[in-house]
PDB file of all heavy atoms in Angstrom:
ATOM      1  N   PRO A   1       2.950  -6.770   1.264  1.00  0.00           N
ATOM      2  CA  PRO A   1       3.156  -6.615   2.711  1.00  0.00           C
ATOM      3  C   PRO A   1       3.513  -7.912   3.408  1.00  0.00           C
ATOM      4  O   PRO A   1       3.887  -7.896   4.584  1.00  0.00           O
ATOM      5  CB  PRO A   1       1.801  -6.086   3.200  1.00  0.00           C
ATOM      6  CG  PRO A   1       0.814  -6.656   2.238  1.00  0.00           C
ATOM      7  CD  PRO A   1       1.523  -6.652   0.902  1.00  0.00           C
ATOM      8  N   GLY A   2       3.383  -9.047   2.715  1.00  0.00           N
ATOM      9  CA  GLY A   2       3.679 -10.331   3.353  1.00  0.00           C
ATOM     10  C   GLY A   2       2.579 -10.801   4.270  1.00  0.00           C
ATOM     11  O   GLY A   2       2.846 -11.540   5.229  1.00  0.00           O
ATOM     12  N   ILE A   3       1.329 -10.412   4.005  1.00  0.00           N
ATOM     13  CA  ILE A   3       0.174 -10.798   4.813  1.00  0.00           C
ATOM     14  C   ILE A   3      -0.873 -11.409   3.888  1.00  0.00           C
ATOM     15  O   ILE A   3      -1.257 -10.797   2.872  1.00  0.00           O
ATOM     16  CB  ILE A   3      -0.441  -9.583   5.544  1.00  0.00           C
ATOM     17  CG1 ILE A   3       0.609  -8.884   6.404  1.00  0.00           C
ATOM     18  CG2 ILE A   3      -1.620 -10.007   6.411  1.00  0.00           C
ATOM     19  CD1 ILE A   3       0.113  -7.590   7.014  1.00  0.00           C
ATOM     20  N   ASP A   4      -1.350 -12.593   4.234  1.00  0.00           N
ATOM     21  CA  ASP A   4      -2.385 -13.247   3.428  1.00  0.00           C
ATOM     22  C   ASP A   4      -3.715 -12.513   3.552  1.00  0.00           C
ATOM     23  O   ASP A   4      -4.073 -12.023   4.632  1.00  0.00           O
ATOM     24  CB  ASP A   4      -2.574 -14.695   3.885  1.00  0.00           C
ATOM     25  CG  ASP A   4      -1.357 -15.563   3.594  1.00  0.00           C
ATOM     26  OD1 ASP A   4      -0.594 -15.211   2.670  1.00  0.00           O
ATOM     27  OD2 ASP A   4      -1.172 -16.571   4.298  1.00  0.00           O
ATOM     28  N   HIS A   5      -4.454 -12.455   2.444  1.00  0.00           N
ATOM     29  CA  HIS A   5      -5.818 -11.919   2.437  1.00  0.00           C
ATOM     30  C   HIS A   5      -5.867 -10.505   3.007  1.00  0.00           C
ATOM     31  O   HIS A   5      -6.735 -10.183   3.827  1.00  0.00           O
ATOM     32  CB  HIS A   5      -6.760 -12.831   3.226  1.00  0.00           C
ATOM     33  CG  HIS A   5      -6.779 -14.252   2.758  1.00  0.00           C
ATOM     34  ND1 HIS A   5      -7.504 -14.685   1.678  1.00  0.00           N
ATOM     35  CD2 HIS A   5      -6.128 -15.343   3.231  1.00  0.00           C
ATOM     36  CE1 HIS A   5      -7.319 -15.985   1.507  1.00  0.00           C
ATOM     37  NE2 HIS A   5      -6.481 -16.409   2.422  1.00  0.00           N
ATOM     38  N   ALA A   6      -4.957  -9.658   2.545  1.00  0.00           N
ATOM     39  CA  ALA A   6      -4.889  -8.287   3.058  1.00  0.00           C
ATOM     40  C   ALA A   6      -5.148  -7.288   1.938  1.00  0.00           C
ATOM     41  O   ALA A   6      -4.735  -7.498   0.785  1.00  0.00           O
ATOM     42  CB  ALA A   6      -3.537  -8.022   3.695  1.00  0.00           C
ATOM     43  N   SER A   7      -5.830  -6.208   2.275  1.00  0.00           N
ATOM     44  CA  SER A   7      -6.023  -5.081   1.375  1.00  0.00           C
ATOM     45  C   SER A   7      -5.039  -3.979   1.755  1.00  0.00           C
ATOM     46  O   SER A   7      -4.877  -3.671   2.935  1.00  0.00           O
ATOM     47  CB  SER A   7      -7.451  -4.538   1.475  1.00  0.00           C
ATOM     48  OG  SER A   7      -8.397  -5.521   1.129  1.00  0.00           O
ATOM     49  N   VAL A   8      -4.391  -3.399   0.758  1.00  0.00           N
ATOM     50  CA  VAL A   8      -3.442  -2.315   0.990  1.00  0.00           C
ATOM     51  C   VAL A   8      -4.077  -1.013   0.511  1.00  0.00           C
ATOM     52  O   VAL A   8      -4.530  -0.905  -0.631  1.00  0.00           O
ATOM     53  CB  VAL A   8      -2.121  -2.575   0.249  1.00  0.00           C
ATOM     54  CG1 VAL A   8      -1.146  -1.419   0.478  1.00  0.00           C
ATOM     55  CG2 VAL A   8      -1.501  -3.891   0.702  1.00  0.00           C
ATOM     56  N   TRP A   9      -4.116  -0.040   1.398  1.00  0.00           N
ATOM     57  CA  TRP A   9      -4.710   1.265   1.116  1.00  0.00           C
ATOM     58  C   TRP A   9      -3.603   2.316   1.056  1.00  0.00           C
ATOM     59  O   TRP A   9      -2.714   2.347   1.909  1.00  0.00           O
ATOM     60  CB  TRP A   9      -5.704   1.660   2.206  1.00  0.00           C
ATOM     61  CG  TRP A   9      -6.864   0.714   2.364  1.00  0.00           C
ATOM     62  CD1 TRP A   9      -6.834  -0.589   2.759  1.00  0.00           C
ATOM     63  CD2 TRP A   9      -8.227   1.013   2.130  1.00  0.00           C
ATOM     64  NE1 TRP A   9      -8.081  -1.134   2.783  1.00  0.00           N
ATOM     65  CE2 TRP A   9      -8.969  -0.168   2.407  1.00  0.00           C
ATOM     66  CE3 TRP A   9      -8.914   2.169   1.721  1.00  0.00           C
ATOM     67  CZ2 TRP A   9     -10.345  -0.226   2.274  1.00  0.00           C
ATOM     68  CZ3 TRP A   9     -10.293   2.117   1.607  1.00  0.00           C
ATOM     69  CH2 TRP A   9     -11.003   0.932   1.875  1.00  0.00           C
ATOM     70  N   LEU A  10      -3.683   3.181   0.047  1.00  0.00           N
ATOM     71  CA  LEU A  10      -2.750   4.302  -0.084  1.00  0.00           C
ATOM     72  C   LEU A  10      -3.572   5.566  -0.275  1.00  0.00           C
ATOM     73  O   LEU A  10      -4.385   5.649  -1.211  1.00  0.00           O
ATOM     74  CB  LEU A  10      -1.815   4.097  -1.277  1.00  0.00           C
ATOM     75  CG  LEU A  10      -0.815   5.232  -1.560  1.00  0.00           C
ATOM     76  CD1 LEU A  10       0.134   5.437  -0.378  1.00  0.00           C
ATOM     77  CD2 LEU A  10      -0.027   4.955  -2.845  1.00  0.00           C
ATOM     78  N   ASP A  11      -3.393   6.509   0.622  1.00  0.00           N
ATOM     79  CA  ASP A  11      -4.133   7.779   0.579  1.00  0.00           C
ATOM     80  C   ASP A  11      -5.646   7.554   0.511  1.00  0.00           C
ATOM     81  O   ASP A  11      -6.375   8.243  -0.214  1.00  0.00           O
ATOM     82  CB  ASP A  11      -3.670   8.626  -0.610  1.00  0.00           C
ATOM     83  CG  ASP A  11      -2.198   9.010  -0.499  1.00  0.00           C
ATOM     84  OD1 ASP A  11      -1.711   9.171   0.637  1.00  0.00           O
ATOM     85  OD2 ASP A  11      -1.540   9.141  -1.551  1.00  0.00           O
ATOM     86  N   GLY A  12      -6.127   6.541   1.254  1.00  0.00           N
ATOM     87  CA  GLY A  12      -7.560   6.319   1.370  1.00  0.00           C
ATOM     88  C   GLY A  12      -8.176   5.458   0.291  1.00  0.00           C
ATOM     89  O   GLY A  12      -9.400   5.254   0.299  1.00  0.00           O
ATOM     90  N   ALA A  13      -7.388   4.912  -0.620  1.00  0.00           N
ATOM     91  CA  ALA A  13      -7.930   4.070  -1.690  1.00  0.00           C
ATOM     92  C   ALA A  13      -7.175   2.747  -1.743  1.00  0.00           C
ATOM     93  O   ALA A  13      -5.957   2.691  -1.503  1.00  0.00           O
ATOM     94  CB  ALA A  13      -7.826   4.794  -3.033  1.00  0.00           C
ATOM     95  N   VAL A  14      -7.893   1.675  -2.067  1.00  0.00           N
ATOM     96  CA  VAL A  14      -7.266   0.367  -2.205  1.00  0.00           C
ATOM     97  C   VAL A  14      -6.417   0.356  -3.478  1.00  0.00           C
ATOM     98  O   VAL A  14      -6.860   0.830  -4.539  1.00  0.00           O
ATOM     99  CB  VAL A  14      -8.328  -0.750  -2.267  1.00  0.00           C
ATOM    100  CG1 VAL A  14      -7.669  -2.109  -2.511  1.00  0.00           C
ATOM    101  CG2 VAL A  14      -9.133  -0.795  -0.982  1.00  0.00           C
ATOM    102  N   VAL A  15      -5.195  -0.183  -3.372  1.00  0.00           N
ATOM    103  CA  VAL A  15      -4.287  -0.219  -4.519  1.00  0.00           C
ATOM    104  C   VAL A  15      -3.735  -1.628  -4.696  1.00  0.00           C
ATOM    105  O   VAL A  15      -3.783  -2.461  -3.778  1.00  0.00           O
ATOM    106  CB  VAL A  15      -3.113   0.774  -4.338  1.00  0.00           C
ATOM    107  CG1 VAL A  15      -3.614   2.206  -4.264  1.00  0.00           C
ATOM    108  CG2 VAL A  15      -2.290   0.421  -3.099  1.00  0.00           C
ATOM    109  N   ASP A  16      -3.228  -1.890  -5.875  1.00  0.00           N
ATOM    110  CA  ASP A  16      -2.448  -3.102  -6.128  1.00  0.00           C
ATOM    111  C   ASP A  16      -1.027  -2.787  -5.692  1.00  0.00           C
ATOM    112  O   ASP A  16      -0.347  -1.970  -6.331  1.00  0.00           O
ATOM    113  CB  ASP A  16      -2.490  -3.460  -7.611  1.00  0.00           C
ATOM    114  CG  ASP A  16      -1.663  -4.703  -7.944  1.00  0.00           C
ATOM    115  OD1 ASP A  16      -0.912  -5.183  -7.061  1.00  0.00           O
ATOM    116  OD2 ASP A  16      -1.740  -5.179  -9.093  1.00  0.00           O
ATOM    117  N   PRO A  17      -0.558  -3.404  -4.590  1.00  0.00           N
ATOM    118  CA  PRO A  17       0.751  -2.997  -4.058  1.00  0.00           C
ATOM    119  C   PRO A  17       1.897  -3.211  -5.031  1.00  0.00           C
ATOM    120  O   PRO A  17       2.901  -2.498  -4.963  1.00  0.00           O
ATOM    121  CB  PRO A  17       0.903  -3.857  -2.808  1.00  0.00           C
ATOM    122  CG  PRO A  17      -0.021  -5.009  -2.996  1.00  0.00           C
ATOM    123  CD  PRO A  17      -1.181  -4.474  -3.783  1.00  0.00           C
ATOM    124  N   ALA A  18       1.753  -4.180  -5.939  1.00  0.00           N
ATOM    125  CA  ALA A  18       2.831  -4.447  -6.895  1.00  0.00           C
ATOM    126  C   ALA A  18       2.976  -3.330  -7.922  1.00  0.00           C
ATOM    127  O   ALA A  18       4.003  -3.243  -8.610  1.00  0.00           O
ATOM    128  CB  ALA A  18       2.586  -5.781  -7.609  1.00  0.00           C
ATOM    129  N   MET A  19       1.959  -2.467  -8.029  1.00  0.00           N
ATOM    130  CA  MET A  19       1.982  -1.402  -9.041  1.00  0.00           C
ATOM    131  C   MET A  19       2.401  -0.052  -8.468  1.00  0.00           C
ATOM    132  O   MET A  19       2.374   0.950  -9.176  1.00  0.00           O
ATOM    133  CB  MET A  19       0.583  -1.278  -9.668  1.00  0.00           C
ATOM    134  CG  MET A  19       0.061  -2.558 -10.286  1.00  0.00           C
ATOM    135  SD  MET A  19       1.153  -3.204 -11.584  1.00  0.00           S
ATOM    136  CE  MET A  19       0.978  -1.904 -12.819  1.00  0.00           C
ATOM    137  N   VAL A  20       2.814  -0.027  -7.211  1.00  0.00           N
ATOM    138  CA  VAL A  20       3.158   1.235  -6.556  1.00  0.00           C
ATOM    139  C   VAL A  20       4.655   1.285  -6.275  1.00  0.00           C
ATOM    140  O   VAL A  20       5.253   0.288  -5.862  1.00  0.00           O
ATOM    141  CB  VAL A  20       2.373   1.398  -5.237  1.00  0.00           C
ATOM    142  CG1 VAL A  20       2.810   2.656  -4.486  1.00  0.00           C
ATOM    143  CG2 VAL A  20       0.870   1.419  -5.508  1.00  0.00           C
ATOM    144  N   ASP A  21       5.249   2.453  -6.497  1.00  0.00           N
ATOM    145  CA  ASP A  21       6.628   2.695  -6.066  1.00  0.00           C
ATOM    146  C   ASP A  21       6.575   3.181  -4.618  1.00  0.00           C
ATOM    147  O   ASP A  21       6.196   4.314  -4.334  1.00  0.00           O
ATOM    148  CB  ASP A  21       7.275   3.755  -6.965  1.00  0.00           C
ATOM    149  CG  ASP A  21       8.711   4.070  -6.537  1.00  0.00           C
ATOM    150  OD1 ASP A  21       9.208   3.424  -5.575  1.00  0.00           O
ATOM    151  OD2 ASP A  21       9.318   4.975  -7.144  1.00  0.00           O
ATOM    152  N   TRP A  22       6.951   2.304  -3.703  1.00  0.00           N
ATOM    153  CA  TRP A  22       6.822   2.594  -2.282  1.00  0.00           C
ATOM    154  C   TRP A  22       8.030   3.320  -1.701  1.00  0.00           C
ATOM    155  O   TRP A  22       8.033   3.657  -0.507  1.00  0.00           O
ATOM    156  CB  TRP A  22       6.612   1.290  -1.500  1.00  0.00           C
ATOM    157  CG  TRP A  22       5.359   0.572  -1.872  1.00  0.00           C
ATOM    158  CD1 TRP A  22       5.223  -0.496  -2.701  1.00  0.00           C
ATOM    159  CD2 TRP A  22       4.031   0.890  -1.423  1.00  0.00           C
ATOM    160  NE1 TRP A  22       3.906  -0.873  -2.816  1.00  0.00           N
ATOM    161  CE2 TRP A  22       3.160  -0.039  -2.029  1.00  0.00           C
ATOM    162  CE3 TRP A  22       3.509   1.861  -0.574  1.00  0.00           C
ATOM    163  CZ2 TRP A  22       1.783  -0.014  -1.810  1.00  0.00           C
ATOM    164  CZ3 TRP A  22       2.140   1.884  -0.345  1.00  0.00           C
ATOM    165  CH2 TRP A  22       1.290   0.956  -0.962  1.00  0.00           C
ATOM    166  N   SER A  23       9.033   3.589  -2.492  1.00  0.00           N
ATOM    167  CA  SER A  23      10.299   4.093  -1.954  1.00  0.00           C
ATOM    168  C   SER A  23      10.149   5.442  -1.247  1.00  0.00           C
ATOM    169  O   SER A  23      10.863   5.714  -0.282  1.00  0.00           O
ATOM    170  CB  SER A  23      11.335   4.211  -3.075  1.00  0.00           C
ATOM    171  OG  SER A  23      10.869   5.074  -4.103  1.00  0.00           O
ATOM    172  N   ALA A  24       9.231   6.276  -1.700  1.00  0.00           N
ATOM    173  CA  ALA A  24       9.078   7.605  -1.098  1.00  0.00           C
ATOM    174  C   ALA A  24       7.764   7.754  -0.343  1.00  0.00           C
ATOM    175  O   ALA A  24       7.378   8.875   0.019  1.00  0.00           O
ATOM    176  CB  ALA A  24       9.173   8.677  -2.189  1.00  0.00           C
ATOM    177  N   VAL A  25       7.069   6.658  -0.091  1.00  0.00           N
ATOM    178  CA  VAL A  25       5.773   6.713   0.575  1.00  0.00           C
ATOM    179  C   VAL A  25       5.968   6.731   2.090  1.00  0.00           C
ATOM    180  O   VAL A  25       6.673   5.877   2.640  1.00  0.00           O
ATOM    181  CB  VAL A  25       4.897   5.514   0.165  1.00  0.00           C
ATOM    182  CG1 VAL A  25       3.604   5.501   0.975  1.00  0.00           C
ATOM    183  CG2 VAL A  25       4.584   5.583  -1.331  1.00  0.00           C
ATOM    184  N   SER A  26       5.331   7.662   2.772  1.00  0.00           N
ATOM    185  CA  SER A  26       5.413   7.759   4.231  1.00  0.00           C
ATOM    186  C   SER A  26       4.417   6.804   4.876  1.00  0.00           C
ATOM    187  O   SER A  26       3.340   6.552   4.314  1.00  0.00           O
ATOM    188  CB  SER A  26       5.108   9.183   4.688  1.00  0.00           C
ATOM    189  OG  SER A  26       6.022  10.103   4.114  1.00  0.00           O
ATOM    190  N   PRO A  27       4.747   6.282   6.061  1.00  0.00           N
ATOM    191  CA  PRO A  27       3.846   5.316   6.711  1.00  0.00           C
ATOM    192  C   PRO A  27       2.441   5.833   6.959  1.00  0.00           C
ATOM    193  O   PRO A  27       1.470   5.077   6.872  1.00  0.00           O
ATOM    194  CB  PRO A  27       4.563   5.002   8.034  1.00  0.00           C
ATOM    195  CG  PRO A  27       5.995   5.304   7.780  1.00  0.00           C
ATOM    196  CD  PRO A  27       6.005   6.447   6.819  1.00  0.00           C
ATOM    197  N   TRP A  28       2.303   7.130   7.277  1.00  0.00           N
ATOM    198  CA  TRP A  28       0.984   7.665   7.611  1.00  0.00           C
ATOM    199  C   TRP A  28       0.027   7.637   6.431  1.00  0.00           C
ATOM    200  O   TRP A  28      -1.194   7.732   6.601  1.00  0.00           O
ATOM    201  CB  TRP A  28       1.100   9.090   8.159  1.00  0.00           C
ATOM    202  CG  TRP A  28       1.690  10.101   7.199  1.00  0.00           C
ATOM    203  CD1 TRP A  28       3.002  10.443   7.077  1.00  0.00           C
ATOM    204  CD2 TRP A  28       0.985  10.894   6.239  1.00  0.00           C
ATOM    205  NE1 TRP A  28       3.176  11.396   6.097  1.00  0.00           N
ATOM    206  CE2 TRP A  28       1.938  11.687   5.567  1.00  0.00           C
ATOM    207  CE3 TRP A  28      -0.354  11.010   5.877  1.00  0.00           C
ATOM    208  CZ2 TRP A  28       1.599  12.585   4.551  1.00  0.00           C
ATOM    209  CZ3 TRP A  28      -0.696  11.912   4.856  1.00  0.00           C
ATOM    210  CH2 TRP A  28       0.269  12.678   4.216  1.00  0.00           C
ATOM    211  N   ARG A  29       0.537   7.447   5.210  1.00  0.00           N
ATOM    212  CA  ARG A  29      -0.309   7.389   4.013  1.00  0.00           C
ATOM    213  C   ARG A  29      -0.845   5.982   3.741  1.00  0.00           C
ATOM    214  O   ARG A  29      -1.692   5.792   2.868  1.00  0.00           O
ATOM    215  CB  ARG A  29       0.479   7.869   2.796  1.00  0.00           C
ATOM    216  CG  ARG A  29       0.950   9.308   2.863  1.00  0.00           C
ATOM    217  CD  ARG A  29       1.860   9.642   1.690  1.00  0.00           C
ATOM    218  NE  ARG A  29       1.186   9.408   0.406  1.00  0.00           N
ATOM    219  CZ  ARG A  29       1.846   9.375  -0.763  1.00  0.00           C
ATOM    220  NH1 ARG A  29       3.175   9.509  -0.782  1.00  0.00           N
ATOM    221  NH2 ARG A  29       1.182   9.168  -1.882  1.00  0.00           N
ATOM    222  N   VAL A  30      -0.347   5.001   4.510  1.00  0.00           N
ATOM    223  CA  VAL A  30      -0.625   3.595   4.205  1.00  0.00           C
ATOM    224  C   VAL A  30      -1.491   2.963   5.292  1.00  0.00           C
ATOM    225  O   VAL A  30      -1.316   3.240   6.484  1.00  0.00           O
ATOM    226  CB  VAL A  30       0.698   2.796   4.075  1.00  0.00           C
ATOM    227  CG1 VAL A  30       0.417   1.343   3.677  1.00  0.00           C
ATOM    228  CG2 VAL A  30       1.637   3.460   3.080  1.00  0.00           C
TER     229      VAL A  30
END
């Protein structure tokens, strides 16, 4: 996300953003 010290959540769970294919992910899920 380009933010220091940030946690990224997808569908209510913390994820490693580098391991996710974000191309079809809607904003409301993040």
